[in-house]
């Protein structure tokens, strides 16, 4: 897999995380009934990144076992982890923006609409995604090394 395809895959993965790094909450000043509702897909990024790390670790372990069984040596001058520059794509996840707007519900109840981008949980997304990006590059490089040895 060439460098351009890897760049596109990693960029799309980060774009999905950027687009799900928000939360929206409505709070109403009511005595009874619906007092608040929210939607927050921020946790999606943490879960996806954590699952990707687990999947990539298993895949890398399988690749390493095949390389060891085939007695294929990996030269020390090969850049296994690829480019760390991809981690700069995680910068938008580090920003935090919070806004609040007064609202009036259909029944006349006053309330507040809270919008936020980022948050405390985004730091977990950043860490797990950075690990997943580096492991993905390692997996691709090991796979290419194995493919090149089989062909040769």
Protein backbone atom coordinates (compact mmCIF):
# COMPACT_ATOMS: atom_id res chain seq x y z
CA UNK A 1 0.00 0.00 0.00
CA UNK A 2 1.53 3.30 -1.01
CA UNK A 3 1.94 6.36 1.16
CA UNK A 4 -0.96 8.18 -0.52
CA UNK A 5 -3.50 5.46 0.29
CA UNK A 6 -2.30 5.34 3.89
CA UNK A 7 -2.69 9.12 4.12
CA UNK A 8 -6.25 8.96 2.79
CA UNK A 9 -7.26 6.18 5.20
CA UNK A 10 -5.80 7.93 8.24
CA UNK A 11 -7.27 11.30 7.22
CA UNK A 12 -10.76 9.82 6.76
CA UNK A 13 -10.52 8.06 10.12
CA UNK A 14 -9.58 11.34 11.83
CA UNK A 15 -12.35 13.22 9.98
CA UNK A 16 -14.93 10.78 11.36
CA UNK A 17 -13.60 11.44 14.85
CA UNK A 18 -13.71 15.23 14.29
CA UNK A 19 -17.35 15.00 13.22
CA UNK A 20 -18.40 12.99 16.28
CA UNK A 21 -16.57 15.08 18.90
CA UNK A 22 -19.58 17.12 20.07
CA UNK A 23 -22.49 17.03 22.46
CA UNK A 24 -25.86 18.77 22.62
CA UNK A 25 -27.95 19.12 25.77
CA UNK A 26 -31.34 20.72 26.42
CA UNK A 27 -32.28 21.62 30.00
CA UNK A 28 -35.76 22.88 30.92
CA UNK A 29 -36.99 24.73 34.04
CA UNK A 30 -39.89 22.41 34.83
CA UNK A 31 -41.28 21.00 38.05
CA UNK A 32 -42.13 17.68 36.39
CA UNK A 33 -41.83 16.00 33.03
CA UNK A 34 -38.86 16.18 30.72
CA UNK A 35 -36.19 18.23 32.46
CA UNK A 36 -33.25 17.52 30.16
CA UNK A 37 -32.23 15.58 27.09
CA UNK A 38 -28.89 15.15 25.42
CA UNK A 39 -27.02 13.50 22.61
CA UNK A 40 -23.29 13.02 22.82
CA UNK A 41 -21.41 10.91 20.27
CA UNK A 42 -18.03 11.81 21.83
CA UNK A 43 -17.80 8.37 23.44
CA UNK A 44 -18.05 6.84 19.97
CA UNK A 45 -14.53 8.07 19.20
CA UNK A 46 -13.07 6.53 22.33
CA UNK A 47 -14.76 3.20 21.73
CA UNK A 48 -13.82 3.04 18.04
CA UNK A 49 -10.21 3.98 18.73
CA UNK A 50 -9.89 1.46 21.55
CA UNK A 51 -11.40 -1.31 19.40
CA UNK A 52 -9.07 -0.36 16.53
CA UNK A 53 -6.04 -0.67 18.84
CA UNK A 54 -7.15 -4.16 19.94
CA UNK A 55 -7.84 -5.30 16.35
CA UNK A 56 -4.50 -3.93 15.12
CA UNK A 57 -2.58 -5.53 18.00
CA UNK A 58 -4.08 -8.92 17.13
CA UNK A 59 -3.32 -8.44 13.42
CA UNK A 60 0.26 -7.34 14.16
CA UNK A 61 0.76 -10.31 16.46
CA UNK A 62 -0.35 -12.64 13.65
CA UNK A 63 1.99 -10.91 11.17
CA UNK A 64 4.93 -11.20 13.56
CA UNK A 65 4.23 -14.89 14.16
CA UNK A 66 4.22 -15.54 10.40
CA UNK A 67 7.47 -13.62 9.99
CA UNK A 68 9.10 -15.55 12.84
CA UNK A 69 7.88 -18.92 11.54
CA UNK A 70 9.18 -18.06 8.07
CA UNK A 71 12.49 -16.89 9.58
CA UNK A 72 12.18 -13.59 7.74
CA UNK A 73 14.43 -10.92 9.22
CA UNK A 74 13.35 -7.30 9.30
CA UNK A 75 16.30 -4.96 8.65
CA UNK A 76 16.85 -2.32 11.31
CA UNK A 77 16.83 0.51 8.77
CA UNK A 78 13.15 -0.03 7.86
CA UNK A 79 10.84 2.62 9.30
CA UNK A 80 8.26 0.38 10.93
CA UNK A 81 6.08 2.98 12.63
CA UNK A 82 5.85 5.23 9.59
CA UNK A 83 5.28 8.94 10.03
CA UNK A 84 4.39 10.57 13.33
CA UNK A 85 3.23 13.66 11.39
CA UNK A 86 -0.20 12.01 11.10
CA UNK A 87 -0.71 12.70 14.80
CA UNK A 88 -1.09 16.39 13.90
CA UNK A 89 -4.46 15.40 12.44
CA UNK A 90 -5.59 14.92 16.04
CA UNK A 91 -5.17 18.60 16.95
CA UNK A 92 -8.86 19.47 16.31
CA UNK A 93 -9.81 16.91 18.96
CA UNK A 94 -7.85 18.91 21.55
CA UNK A 95 -10.00 22.04 21.16
CA UNK A 96 -12.88 22.66 23.51
CA UNK A 97 -15.75 24.99 22.72
CA UNK A 98 -18.83 25.47 24.89
CA UNK A 99 -21.85 27.61 24.13
CA UNK A 100 -25.20 28.08 25.83
CA UNK A 101 -28.38 29.55 24.33
CA UNK A 102 -31.70 30.37 26.01
CA UNK A 103 -34.65 28.53 24.47
CA UNK A 104 -38.41 28.37 24.92
CA UNK A 105 -40.13 25.01 24.49
CA UNK A 106 -43.45 24.60 22.66
CA UNK A 107 -45.34 24.65 25.96
CA UNK A 108 -43.74 27.97 26.95
CA UNK A 109 -41.18 26.51 29.36
CA UNK A 110 -37.89 28.32 29.40
CA UNK A 111 -34.71 26.36 29.11
CA UNK A 112 -31.13 26.34 27.96
CA UNK A 113 -29.46 24.69 25.00
CA UNK A 114 -25.85 23.69 25.64
CA UNK A 115 -23.53 22.86 22.76
CA UNK A 116 -19.97 21.69 23.28
CA UNK A 117 -17.21 20.47 21.04
CA UNK A 118 -14.55 18.40 22.73
CA UNK A 119 -14.29 17.84 26.43
CA UNK A 120 -12.46 15.72 28.94
CA UNK A 121 -13.21 12.49 27.14
CA UNK A 122 -11.57 13.82 23.96
CA UNK A 123 -8.16 13.36 25.55
CA UNK A 124 -8.82 9.61 25.65
CA UNK A 125 -9.82 9.73 22.00
CA UNK A 126 -6.57 11.50 21.15
CA UNK A 127 -4.41 8.96 22.98
CA UNK A 128 -6.14 5.86 21.61
CA UNK A 129 -6.27 7.30 18.09
CA UNK A 130 -2.56 8.20 18.12
CA UNK A 131 -1.76 4.63 19.17
CA UNK A 132 -4.10 3.27 16.48
CA UNK A 133 -2.48 5.43 13.77
CA UNK A 134 1.01 4.23 14.68
CA UNK A 135 -0.12 0.59 14.91
CA UNK A 136 -1.88 0.84 11.55
CA UNK A 137 1.34 2.00 9.92
CA UNK A 138 3.26 -0.80 11.65
CA UNK A 139 0.73 -3.36 10.41
CA UNK A 140 0.96 -2.10 6.83
CA UNK A 141 4.77 -2.13 6.90
CA UNK A 142 4.91 -5.66 8.32
CA UNK A 143 2.38 -6.85 5.75
CA UNK A 144 4.38 -5.29 2.91
CA UNK A 145 7.58 -6.85 4.24
CA UNK A 146 5.93 -10.27 4.35
CA UNK A 147 4.44 -9.83 0.87
CA UNK A 148 7.81 -8.77 -0.58
CA UNK A 149 9.56 -11.80 0.98
CA UNK A 150 6.93 -14.21 -0.36
CA UNK A 151 7.25 -12.80 -3.88
CA UNK A 152 11.05 -12.84 -3.78
